[in-house]
PDB file of N, CA and C in Angstrom:
ATOM      1  N   MET A   1     128.234 194.940 176.989  1.00  0.00           N
ATOM      2  CA  MET A   1     127.633 194.216 178.081  1.00  0.00           C
ATOM      3  C   MET A   1     126.239 193.700 177.688  1.00  0.00           C
ATOM      4  N   LYS A   2     125.484 194.530 176.934  1.00  0.00           N
ATOM      5  CA  LYS A   2     124.152 194.112 176.511  1.00  0.00           C
ATOM      6  C   LYS A   2     124.231 192.903 175.589  1.00  0.00           C
ATOM      7  N   ASN A   3     125.239 192.856 174.721  1.00  0.00           N
ATOM      8  CA  ASN A   3     125.399 191.709 173.826  1.00  0.00           C
ATOM      9  C   ASN A   3     125.685 190.441 174.612  1.00  0.00           C
ATOM     10  N   PHE A   4     126.461 190.554 175.679  1.00  0.00           N
ATOM     11  CA  PHE A   4     126.784 189.398 176.501  1.00  0.00           C
ATOM     12  C   PHE A   4     125.520 188.856 177.169  1.00  0.00           C
ATOM     13  N   ILE A   5     124.703 189.750 177.711  1.00  0.00           N
ATOM     14  CA  ILE A   5     123.469 189.320 178.374  1.00  0.00           C
ATOM     15  C   ILE A   5     122.530 188.681 177.360  1.00  0.00           C
ATOM     16  N   PHE A   6     122.386 189.292 176.186  1.00  0.00           N
ATOM     17  CA  PHE A   6     121.522 188.735 175.140  1.00  0.00           C
ATOM     18  C   PHE A   6     122.021 187.363 174.704  1.00  0.00           C
ATOM     19  N   SER A   7     123.337 187.219 174.526  1.00  0.00           N
ATOM     20  CA  SER A   7     123.906 185.926 174.117  1.00  0.00           C
ATOM     21  C   SER A   7     123.664 184.868 175.177  1.00  0.00           C
ATOM     22  N   THR A   8     123.801 185.246 176.441  1.00  0.00           N
ATOM     23  CA  THR A   8     123.574 184.302 177.531  1.00  0.00           C
ATOM     24  C   THR A   8     122.114 183.868 177.570  1.00  0.00           C
ATOM     25  N   MET A   9     121.199 184.811 177.388  1.00  0.00           N
ATOM     26  CA  MET A   9     119.777 184.475 177.375  1.00  0.00           C
ATOM     27  C   MET A   9     119.438 183.587 176.184  1.00  0.00           C
ATOM     28  N   ALA A  10     120.000 183.876 175.026  1.00  0.00           N
ATOM     29  CA  ALA A  10     119.745 183.067 173.833  1.00  0.00           C
ATOM     30  C   ALA A  10     120.250 181.641 174.032  1.00  0.00           C
ATOM     31  N   ALA A  11     121.410 181.505 174.639  1.00  0.00           N
ATOM     32  CA  ALA A  11     121.958 180.169 174.898  1.00  0.00           C
ATOM     33  C   ALA A  11     121.046 179.392 175.842  1.00  0.00           C
ATOM     34  N   GLY A  12     120.492 180.070 176.838  1.00  0.00           N
ATOM     35  CA  GLY A  12     119.569 179.419 177.763  1.00  0.00           C
ATOM     36  C   GLY A  12     118.306 178.946 177.071  1.00  0.00           C
ATOM     37  N   VAL A  13     117.777 179.772 176.191  1.00  0.00           N
ATOM     38  CA  VAL A  13     116.570 179.395 175.444  1.00  0.00           C
ATOM     39  C   VAL A  13     116.851 178.202 174.545  1.00  0.00           C
ATOM     40  N   LEU A  14     117.986 178.208 173.864  1.00  0.00           N
ATOM     41  CA  LEU A  14     118.331 177.084 172.991  1.00  0.00           C
ATOM     42  C   LEU A  14     118.530 175.802 173.777  1.00  0.00           C
ATOM     43  N   ALA A  15     119.153 175.906 174.945  1.00  0.00           N
ATOM     44  CA  ALA A  15     119.353 174.721 175.780  1.00  0.00           C
ATOM     45  C   ALA A  15     118.012 174.175 176.249  1.00  0.00           C
ATOM     46  N   SER A  16     117.092 175.055 176.631  1.00  0.00           N
ATOM     47  CA  SER A  16     115.758 174.620 177.053  1.00  0.00           C
ATOM     48  C   SER A  16     115.021 173.941 175.910  1.00  0.00           C
ATOM     49  N   ALA A  17     115.145 174.499 174.713  1.00  0.00           N
ATOM     50  CA  ALA A  17     114.493 173.905 173.542  1.00  0.00           C
ATOM     51  C   ALA A  17     115.057 172.515 173.263  1.00  0.00           C
ATOM     52  N   ALA A  18     116.349 172.352 173.407  1.00  0.00           N
ATOM     53  CA  ALA A  18     116.967 171.046 173.164  1.00  0.00           C
ATOM     54  C   ALA A  18     116.460 170.007 174.155  1.00  0.00           C
ATOM     55  N   VAL A  19     116.314 170.387 175.421  1.00  0.00           N
ATOM     56  CA  VAL A  19     115.792 169.470 176.425  1.00  0.00           C
ATOM     57  C   VAL A  19     114.344 169.108 176.101  1.00  0.00           C
ATOM     58  N   GLY A  20     113.548 170.103 175.689  1.00  0.00           N
ATOM     59  CA  GLY A  20     112.158 169.846 175.320  1.00  0.00           C
ATOM     60  C   GLY A  20     112.038 168.902 174.146  1.00  0.00           C
ATOM     61  N   LEU A  21     112.885 169.067 173.142  1.00  0.00           N
ATOM     62  CA  LEU A  21     112.856 168.182 171.985  1.00  0.00           C
ATOM     63  C   LEU A  21     113.305 166.777 172.348  1.00  0.00           C
ATOM     64  N   ALA A  22     114.237 166.651 173.279  1.00  0.00           N
ATOM     65  CA  ALA A  22     114.691 165.331 173.691  1.00  0.00           C
ATOM     66  C   ALA A  22     113.558 164.570 174.365  1.00  0.00           C
ATOM     67  N   THR A  23     112.759 165.244 175.194  1.00  0.00           N
ATOM     68  CA  THR A  23     111.641 164.551 175.819  1.00  0.00           C
ATOM     69  C   THR A  23     110.564 164.229 174.801  1.00  0.00           C
ATOM     70  N   THR A  24     110.394 165.059 173.801  1.00  0.00           N
ATOM     71  CA  THR A  24     109.432 164.782 172.743  1.00  0.00           C
ATOM     72  C   THR A  24     109.837 163.526 171.984  1.00  0.00           C
ATOM     73  N   ALA A  25     111.104 163.407 171.655  1.00  0.00           N
ATOM     74  CA  ALA A  25     111.588 162.248 170.915  1.00  0.00           C
ATOM     75  C   ALA A  25     111.365 160.970 171.707  1.00  0.00           C
ATOM     76  N   HIS A  26     111.488 161.038 173.021  1.00  0.00           N
ATOM     77  CA  HIS A  26     111.277 159.866 173.854  1.00  0.00           C
ATOM     78  C   HIS A  26     109.824 159.417 173.795  1.00  0.00           C
ATOM     79  N   ALA A  27     108.899 160.353 173.654  1.00  0.00           N
ATOM     80  CA  ALA A  27     107.478 160.028 173.677  1.00  0.00           C
ATOM     81  C   ALA A  27     106.987 159.439 172.365  1.00  0.00           C
ATOM     82  N   VAL A  28     107.717 159.622 171.294  1.00  0.00           N
ATOM     83  CA  VAL A  28     107.270 159.161 169.983  1.00  0.00           C
ATOM     84  C   VAL A  28     107.497 157.658 169.856  1.00  0.00           C
ATOM     85  N   PRO A  29     106.448 156.889 169.591  1.00  0.00           N
ATOM     86  CA  PRO A  29     106.624 155.452 169.373  1.00  0.00           C
ATOM     87  C   PRO A  29     107.456 155.203 168.117  1.00  0.00           C
ATOM     88  N   SER A  30     108.289 154.181 168.147  1.00  0.00           N
ATOM     89  CA  SER A  30     109.161 153.922 167.009  1.00  0.00           C
ATOM     90  C   SER A  30     108.541 152.886 166.085  1.00  0.00           C
ATOM     91  N   GLY A  31     108.866 153.005 164.802  1.00  0.00           N
ATOM     92  CA  GLY A  31     108.414 152.041 163.815  1.00  0.00           C
ATOM     93  C   GLY A  31     106.971 152.242 163.399  1.00  0.00           C
ATOM     94  N   PRO A  32     106.599 151.626 162.278  1.00  0.00           N
ATOM     95  CA  PRO A  32     105.222 151.755 161.819  1.00  0.00           C
ATOM     96  C   PRO A  32     104.274 150.985 162.724  1.00  0.00           C
ATOM     97  N   SER A  33     103.150 151.610 163.067  1.00  0.00           N
ATOM     98  CA  SER A  33     102.173 150.929 163.905  1.00  0.00           C
ATOM     99  C   SER A  33     100.795 151.495 163.629  1.00  0.00           C
ATOM    100  N   SER A  34      99.803 150.813 164.120  1.00  0.00           N
ATOM    101  CA  SER A  34      98.440 151.282 163.912  1.00  0.00           C
ATOM    102  C   SER A  34      98.150 152.454 164.835  1.00  0.00           C
ATOM    103  N   VAL A  35      97.090 153.156 164.538  1.00  0.00           N
ATOM    104  CA  VAL A  35      96.698 154.303 165.350  1.00  0.00           C
ATOM    105  C   VAL A  35      96.406 153.858 166.781  1.00  0.00           C
ATOM    106  N   ASP A  36      95.654 152.771 166.930  1.00  0.00           N
ATOM    107  CA  ASP A  36      95.315 152.283 168.271  1.00  0.00           C
ATOM    108  C   ASP A  36      96.556 151.932 169.080  1.00  0.00           C
ATOM    109  N   ALA A  37      97.511 151.265 168.447  1.00  0.00           N
ATOM    110  CA  ALA A  37      98.735 150.885 169.160  1.00  0.00           C
ATOM    111  C   ALA A  37      99.516 152.121 169.598  1.00  0.00           C
ATOM    112  N   THR A  38      99.583 153.134 168.741  1.00  0.00           N
ATOM    113  CA  THR A  38     100.288 154.364 169.076  1.00  0.00           C
ATOM    114  C   THR A  38      99.612 155.073 170.241  1.00  0.00           C
ATOM    115  N   VAL A  39      98.288 155.200 170.163  1.00  0.00           N
ATOM    116  CA  VAL A  39      97.536 155.861 171.231  1.00  0.00           C
ATOM    117  C   VAL A  39      97.689 155.097 172.540  1.00  0.00           C
ATOM    118  N   ASN A  40      97.580 153.777 172.497  1.00  0.00           N
ATOM    119  CA  ASN A  40      97.712 152.964 173.717  1.00  0.00           C
ATOM    120  C   ASN A  40      99.107 153.070 174.317  1.00  0.00           C
ATOM    121  N   GLN A  41     100.133 153.106 173.475  1.00  0.00           N
ATOM    122  CA  GLN A  41     101.493 153.218 173.978  1.00  0.00           C
ATOM    123  C   GLN A  41     101.695 154.562 174.684  1.00  0.00           C
ATOM    124  N   LEU A  42     101.199 155.630 174.092  1.00  0.00           N
ATOM    125  CA  LEU A  42     101.337 156.945 174.716  1.00  0.00           C
ATOM    126  C   LEU A  42     100.540 157.024 176.016  1.00  0.00           C
ATOM    127  N   ARG A  43      99.337 156.470 176.025  1.00  0.00           N
ATOM    128  CA  ARG A  43      98.541 156.469 177.260  1.00  0.00           C
ATOM    129  C   ARG A  43      99.225 155.673 178.358  1.00  0.00           C
ATOM    130  N   SER A  44      99.875 154.576 178.000  1.00  0.00           N
ATOM    131  CA  SER A  44     100.582 153.780 179.008  1.00  0.00           C
ATOM    132  C   SER A  44     101.771 154.530 179.592  1.00  0.00           C
ATOM    133  N   GLN A  45     102.279 155.533 178.862  1.00  0.00           N
ATOM    134  CA  GLN A  45     103.365 156.376 179.357  1.00  0.00           C
ATOM    135  C   GLN A  45     102.839 157.579 180.130  1.00  0.00           C
ATOM    136  N   GLY A  46     101.511 157.658 180.304  1.00  0.00           N
ATOM    137  CA  GLY A  46     100.924 158.710 181.113  1.00  0.00           C
ATOM    138  C   GLY A  46     100.454 159.932 180.363  1.00  0.00           C
ATOM    139  N   TYR A  47     100.410 159.872 179.041  1.00  0.00           N
ATOM    140  CA  TYR A  47      99.980 161.012 178.240  1.00  0.00           C
ATOM    141  C   TYR A  47      98.469 161.036 178.075  1.00  0.00           C
ATOM    142  N   GLN A  48      97.898 162.233 178.069  1.00  0.00           N
ATOM    143  CA  GLN A  48      96.535 162.434 177.601  1.00  0.00           C
ATOM    144  C   GLN A  48      96.688 162.593 176.091  1.00  0.00           C
ATOM    145  N   VAL A  49      96.005 161.778 175.301  1.00  0.00           N
ATOM    146  CA  VAL A  49      96.214 161.744 173.854  1.00  0.00           C
ATOM    147  C   VAL A  49      95.048 162.413 173.135  1.00  0.00           C
ATOM    148  N   ILE A  50      95.385 163.309 172.206  1.00  0.00           N
ATOM    149  CA  ILE A  50      94.398 163.961 171.356  1.00  0.00           C
ATOM    150  C   ILE A  50      94.718 163.569 169.920  1.00  0.00           C
ATOM    151  N   VAL A  51      93.728 162.958 169.239  1.00  0.00           N
ATOM    152  CA  VAL A  51      93.913 162.495 167.866  1.00  0.00           C
ATOM    153  C   VAL A  51      93.350 163.543 166.908  1.00  0.00           C
ATOM    154  N   ASN A  52      94.180 163.984 165.970  1.00  0.00           N
ATOM    155  CA  ASN A  52      93.769 164.909 164.910  1.00  0.00           C
ATOM    156  C   ASN A  52      93.681 164.108 163.620  1.00  0.00           C
ATOM    157  N   ARG A  53      92.464 163.974 163.085  1.00  0.00           N
ATOM    158  CA  ARG A  53      92.246 163.118 161.922  1.00  0.00           C
ATOM    159  C   ARG A  53      91.976 163.952 160.667  1.00  0.00           C
ATOM    160  N   VAL A  54      92.603 163.551 159.550  1.00  0.00           N
ATOM    161  CA  VAL A  54      92.301 164.120 158.237  1.00  0.00           C
ATOM    162  C   VAL A  54      91.695 162.989 157.424  1.00  0.00           C
ATOM    163  N   GLY A  55      90.443 163.122 157.032  1.00  0.00           N
ATOM    164  CA  GLY A  55      89.744 162.078 156.290  1.00  0.00           C
ATOM    165  C   GLY A  55      88.595 161.526 157.100  1.00  0.00           C
ATOM    166  N   THR A  56      87.783 160.692 156.455  1.00  0.00           N
ATOM    167  CA  THR A  56      86.574 160.186 157.108  1.00  0.00           C
ATOM    168  C   THR A  56      86.553 158.678 157.300  1.00  0.00           C
ATOM    169  N   ALA A  57      87.598 157.984 156.922  1.00  0.00           N
ATOM    170  CA  ALA A  57      87.628 156.526 157.083  1.00  0.00           C
ATOM    171  C   ALA A  57      87.730 156.165 158.562  1.00  0.00           C
ATOM    172  N   SER A  58      87.433 154.913 158.882  1.00  0.00           N
ATOM    173  CA  SER A  58      87.553 154.471 160.265  1.00  0.00           C
ATOM    174  C   SER A  58      89.030 154.448 160.672  1.00  0.00           C
ATOM    175  N   LEU A  59      89.267 154.532 161.982  1.00  0.00           N
ATOM    176  CA  LEU A  59      90.650 154.629 162.473  1.00  0.00           C
ATOM    177  C   LEU A  59      91.513 153.428 162.092  1.00  0.00           C
ATOM    178  N   ASP A  60      90.911 152.251 161.914  1.00  0.00           N
ATOM    179  CA  ASP A  60      91.719 151.085 161.544  1.00  0.00           C
ATOM    180  C   ASP A  60      92.247 151.177 160.115  1.00  0.00           C
ATOM    181  N   ARG A  61      91.748 152.127 159.329  1.00  0.00           N
ATOM    182  CA  ARG A  61      92.234 152.334 157.963  1.00  0.00           C
ATOM    183  C   ARG A  61      93.114 153.579 157.860  1.00  0.00           C
ATOM    184  N   CYS A  62      93.417 154.203 158.990  1.00  0.00           N
ATOM    185  CA  CYS A  62      94.234 155.417 159.011  1.00  0.00           C
ATOM    186  C   CYS A  62      95.690 155.077 159.325  1.00  0.00           C
ATOM    187  N   THR A  63      96.579 155.996 158.977  1.00  0.00           N
ATOM    188  CA  THR A  63      97.996 155.851 159.315  1.00  0.00           C
ATOM    189  C   THR A  63      98.444 157.059 160.125  1.00  0.00           C
ATOM    190  N   VAL A  64      99.358 156.822 161.027  1.00  0.00           N
ATOM    191  CA  VAL A  64      99.908 157.895 161.860  1.00  0.00           C
ATOM    192  C   VAL A  64     100.886 158.700 161.012  1.00  0.00           C
ATOM    193  N   THR A  65     100.682 160.011 160.949  1.00  0.00           N
ATOM    194  CA  THR A  65     101.579 160.874 160.180  1.00  0.00           C
ATOM    195  C   THR A  65     102.517 161.661 161.071  1.00  0.00           C
ATOM    196  N   ALA A  66     102.132 161.886 162.322  1.00  0.00           N
ATOM    197  CA  ALA A  66     103.002 162.628 163.244  1.00  0.00           C
ATOM    198  C   ALA A  66     102.536 162.413 164.675  1.00  0.00           C
ATOM    199  N   VAL A  67     103.494 162.512 165.588  1.00  0.00           N
ATOM    200  CA  VAL A  67     103.211 162.520 167.017  1.00  0.00           C
ATOM    201  C   VAL A  67     103.926 163.740 167.581  1.00  0.00           C
ATOM    202  N   ARG A  68     103.136 164.625 168.210  1.00  0.00           N
ATOM    203  CA  ARG A  68     103.701 165.873 168.730  1.00  0.00           C
ATOM    204  C   ARG A  68     103.390 165.993 170.208  1.00  0.00           C
ATOM    205  N   SER A  69     104.328 166.541 170.944  1.00  0.00           N
ATOM    206  CA  SER A  69     104.076 166.743 172.368  1.00  0.00           C
ATOM    207  C   SER A  69     103.281 168.014 172.566  1.00  0.00           C
ATOM    208  N   GLY A  70     102.445 168.009 173.569  1.00  0.00           N
ATOM    209  CA  GLY A  70     101.655 169.174 173.931  1.00  0.00           C
ATOM    210  C   GLY A  70     102.186 169.774 175.214  1.00  0.00           C
ATOM    211  N   GLN A  71     101.322 170.454 175.912  1.00  0.00           N
ATOM    212  CA  GLN A  71     101.724 171.131 177.131  1.00  0.00           C
ATOM    213  C   GLN A  71     101.838 170.147 178.286  1.00  0.00           C
ATOM    214  N   THR A  72     102.803 170.390 179.147  1.00  0.00           N
ATOM    215  CA  THR A  72     102.994 169.595 180.352  1.00  0.00           C
ATOM    216  C   THR A  72     102.748 170.489 181.554  1.00  0.00           C
ATOM    217  N   HIS A  73     101.927 170.006 182.460  1.00  0.00           N
ATOM    218  CA  HIS A  73     101.634 170.753 183.683  1.00  0.00           C
ATOM    219  C   HIS A  73     102.322 170.066 184.850  1.00  0.00           C
ATOM    220  N   SER A  74     102.945 170.862 185.704  1.00  0.00           N
ATOM    221  CA  SER A  74     103.614 170.308 186.875  1.00  0.00           C
ATOM    222  C   SER A  74     103.400 171.238 188.059  1.00  0.00           C
ATOM    223  N   ARG A  75     103.713 170.721 189.222  1.00  0.00           N
ATOM    224  CA  ARG A  75     103.646 171.558 190.417  1.00  0.00           C
ATOM    225  C   ARG A  75     104.858 171.241 191.283  1.00  0.00           C
ATOM    226  N   THR A  76     105.350 172.261 191.955  1.00  0.00           N
ATOM    227  CA  THR A  76     106.472 172.100 192.874  1.00  0.00           C
ATOM    228  C   THR A  76     105.941 172.297 194.278  1.00  0.00           C
ATOM    229  N   ASP A  77     106.213 171.308 195.135  1.00  0.00           N
ATOM    230  CA  ASP A  77     105.642 171.313 196.474  1.00  0.00           C
ATOM    231  C   ASP A  77     106.706 170.854 197.465  1.00  0.00           C
ATOM    232  N   SER A  78     106.725 171.460 198.614  1.00  0.00           N
ATOM    233  CA  SER A  78     107.693 171.048 199.637  1.00  0.00           C
ATOM    234  C   SER A  78     107.055 170.130 200.664  1.00  0.00           C
ATOM    235  N   GLY A  79     105.779 169.810 200.523  1.00  0.00           N
ATOM    236  CA  GLY A  79     105.092 168.972 201.496  1.00  0.00           C
ATOM    237  C   GLY A  79     104.965 167.524 201.070  1.00  0.00           C
ATOM    238  N   VAL A  80     105.831 167.040 200.187  1.00  0.00           N
ATOM    239  CA  VAL A  80     105.759 165.663 199.719  1.00  0.00           C
ATOM    240  C   VAL A  80     106.350 164.740 200.785  1.00  0.00           C
ATOM    241  N   PRO A  81     105.622 163.677 201.175  1.00  0.00           N
ATOM    242  CA  PRO A  81     106.147 162.756 202.191  1.00  0.00           C
ATOM    243  C   PRO A  81     107.494 162.164 201.775  1.00  0.00           C
ATOM    244  N   GLY A  82     108.429 162.151 202.687  1.00  0.00           N
ATOM    245  CA  GLY A  82     109.745 161.579 202.432  1.00  0.00           C
ATOM    246  C   GLY A  82     110.734 162.544 201.814  1.00  0.00           C
ATOM    247  N   ALA A  83     110.295 163.732 201.413  1.00  0.00           N
ATOM    248  CA  ALA A  83     111.192 164.693 200.761  1.00  0.00           C
ATOM    249  C   ALA A  83     111.852 165.624 201.771  1.00  0.00           C
ATOM    250  N   GLY A  84     111.400 165.570 203.017  1.00  0.00           N
ATOM    251  CA  GLY A  84     111.943 166.491 203.999  1.00  0.00           C
ATOM    252  C   GLY A  84     111.531 167.911 203.660  1.00  0.00           C
ATOM    253  N   SER A  85     112.487 168.822 203.714  1.00  0.00           N
ATOM    254  CA  SER A  85     112.180 170.217 203.401  1.00  0.00           C
ATOM    255  C   SER A  85     112.533 170.572 201.960  1.00  0.00           C
ATOM    256  N   ASP A  86     112.988 169.595 201.176  1.00  0.00           N
ATOM    257  CA  ASP A  86     113.347 169.848 199.779  1.00  0.00           C
ATOM    258  C   ASP A  86     112.089 169.908 198.911  1.00  0.00           C
ATOM    259  N   PRO A  87     112.012 170.903 198.029  1.00  0.00           N
ATOM    260  CA  PRO A  87     110.868 170.951 197.110  1.00  0.00           C
ATOM    261  C   PRO A  87     110.968 169.846 196.058  1.00  0.00           C
ATOM    262  N   VAL A  88     109.820 169.290 195.700  1.00  0.00           N
ATOM    263  CA  VAL A  88     109.751 168.213 194.716  1.00  0.00           C
ATOM    264  C   VAL A  88     108.796 168.644 193.607  1.00  0.00           C
ATOM    265  N   THR A  89     109.222 168.475 192.353  1.00  0.00           N
ATOM    266  CA  THR A  89     108.371 168.796 191.209  1.00  0.00           C
ATOM    267  C   THR A  89     107.676 167.528 190.734  1.00  0.00           C
ATOM    268  N   THR A  90     106.359 167.605 190.630  1.00  0.00           N
ATOM    269  CA  THR A  90     105.543 166.480 190.205  1.00  0.00           C
ATOM    270  C   THR A  90     104.804 166.866 188.925  1.00  0.00           C
ATOM    271  N   ILE A  91     104.888 166.007 187.904  1.00  0.00           N
ATOM    272  CA  ILE A  91     104.144 166.243 186.670  1.00  0.00           C
ATOM    273  C   ILE A  91     102.706 165.806 186.914  1.00  0.00           C
ATOM    274  N   THR A  92     101.771 166.732 186.711  1.00  0.00           N
ATOM    275  CA  THR A  92     100.367 166.436 186.963  1.00  0.00           C
ATOM    276  C   THR A  92      99.601 166.066 185.698  1.00  0.00           C
ATOM    277  N   ASN A  93     100.080 166.513 184.534  1.00  0.00           N
ATOM    278  CA  ASN A  93      99.395 166.206 183.279  1.00  0.00           C
ATOM    279  C   ASN A  93     100.345 166.465 182.118  1.00  0.00           C
ATOM    280  N   LYS A  94     100.345 165.574 181.144  1.00  0.00           N
ATOM    281  CA  LYS A  94     101.118 165.789 179.918  1.00  0.00           C
ATOM    282  C   LYS A  94     100.281 165.328 178.737  1.00  0.00           C
ATOM    283  N   THR A  95     100.393 166.083 177.645  1.00  0.00           N
ATOM    284  CA  THR A  95      99.542 165.854 176.479  1.00  0.00           C
ATOM    285  C   THR A  95     100.384 165.504 175.262  1.00  0.00           C
ATOM    286  N   ALA A  96      99.871 164.607 174.428  1.00  0.00           N
ATOM    287  CA  ALA A  96     100.493 164.279 173.146  1.00  0.00           C
ATOM    288  C   ALA A  96      99.419 164.358 172.065  1.00  0.00           C
ATOM    289  N   TYR A  97      99.793 164.885 170.913  1.00  0.00           N
ATOM    290  CA  TYR A  97      98.895 164.970 169.762  1.00  0.00           C
ATOM    291  C   TYR A  97      99.314 163.930 168.734  1.00  0.00           C
ATOM    292  N   VAL A  98      98.379 163.130 168.272  1.00  0.00           N
ATOM    293  CA  VAL A  98      98.634 162.125 167.240  1.00  0.00           C
ATOM    294  C   VAL A  98      97.881 162.557 165.992  1.00  0.00           C
ATOM    295  N   ASP A  99      98.627 162.859 164.931  1.00  0.00           N
ATOM    296  CA  ASP A  99      98.025 163.254 163.653  1.00  0.00           C
ATOM    297  C   ASP A  99      97.885 161.997 162.795  1.00  0.00           C
ATOM    298  N   VAL A 100      96.686 161.781 162.245  1.00  0.00           N
ATOM    299  CA  VAL A 100      96.438 160.611 161.408  1.00  0.00           C
ATOM    300  C   VAL A 100      95.826 161.055 160.082  1.00  0.00           C
ATOM    301  N   SER A 101      96.087 160.251 159.053  1.00  0.00           N
ATOM    302  CA  SER A 101      95.534 160.490 157.732  1.00  0.00           C
ATOM    303  C   SER A 101      94.766 159.251 157.306  1.00  0.00           C
ATOM    304  N   CYS A 102      93.547 159.455 156.815  1.00  0.00           N
ATOM    305  CA  CYS A 102      92.687 158.321 156.449  1.00  0.00           C
ATOM    306  C   CYS A 102      92.381 158.318 154.958  1.00  0.00           C
TER     307      CYS A 102
END
């Protein structure tokens, strides 16, 4: 019985991880682009963007090496207009990290 419960919990964790990775993939801009374009695209999608830079050159001479999702904050509230008595989850803040090399 303990193995069944452990297996069920492990499957739940893996499913949650898969959903998290799917949302991360959606946030990553596709194709080669400048640092400014990447940051602007993520900000337009509602992300707070944190740039991690390796090197001392100006940002226009840097290249994006990775885009990683950060923590997402949300709240569930039943007092949302138009929702009736159903609780509604609202994302209040989401973060993306842009790694650049100069």
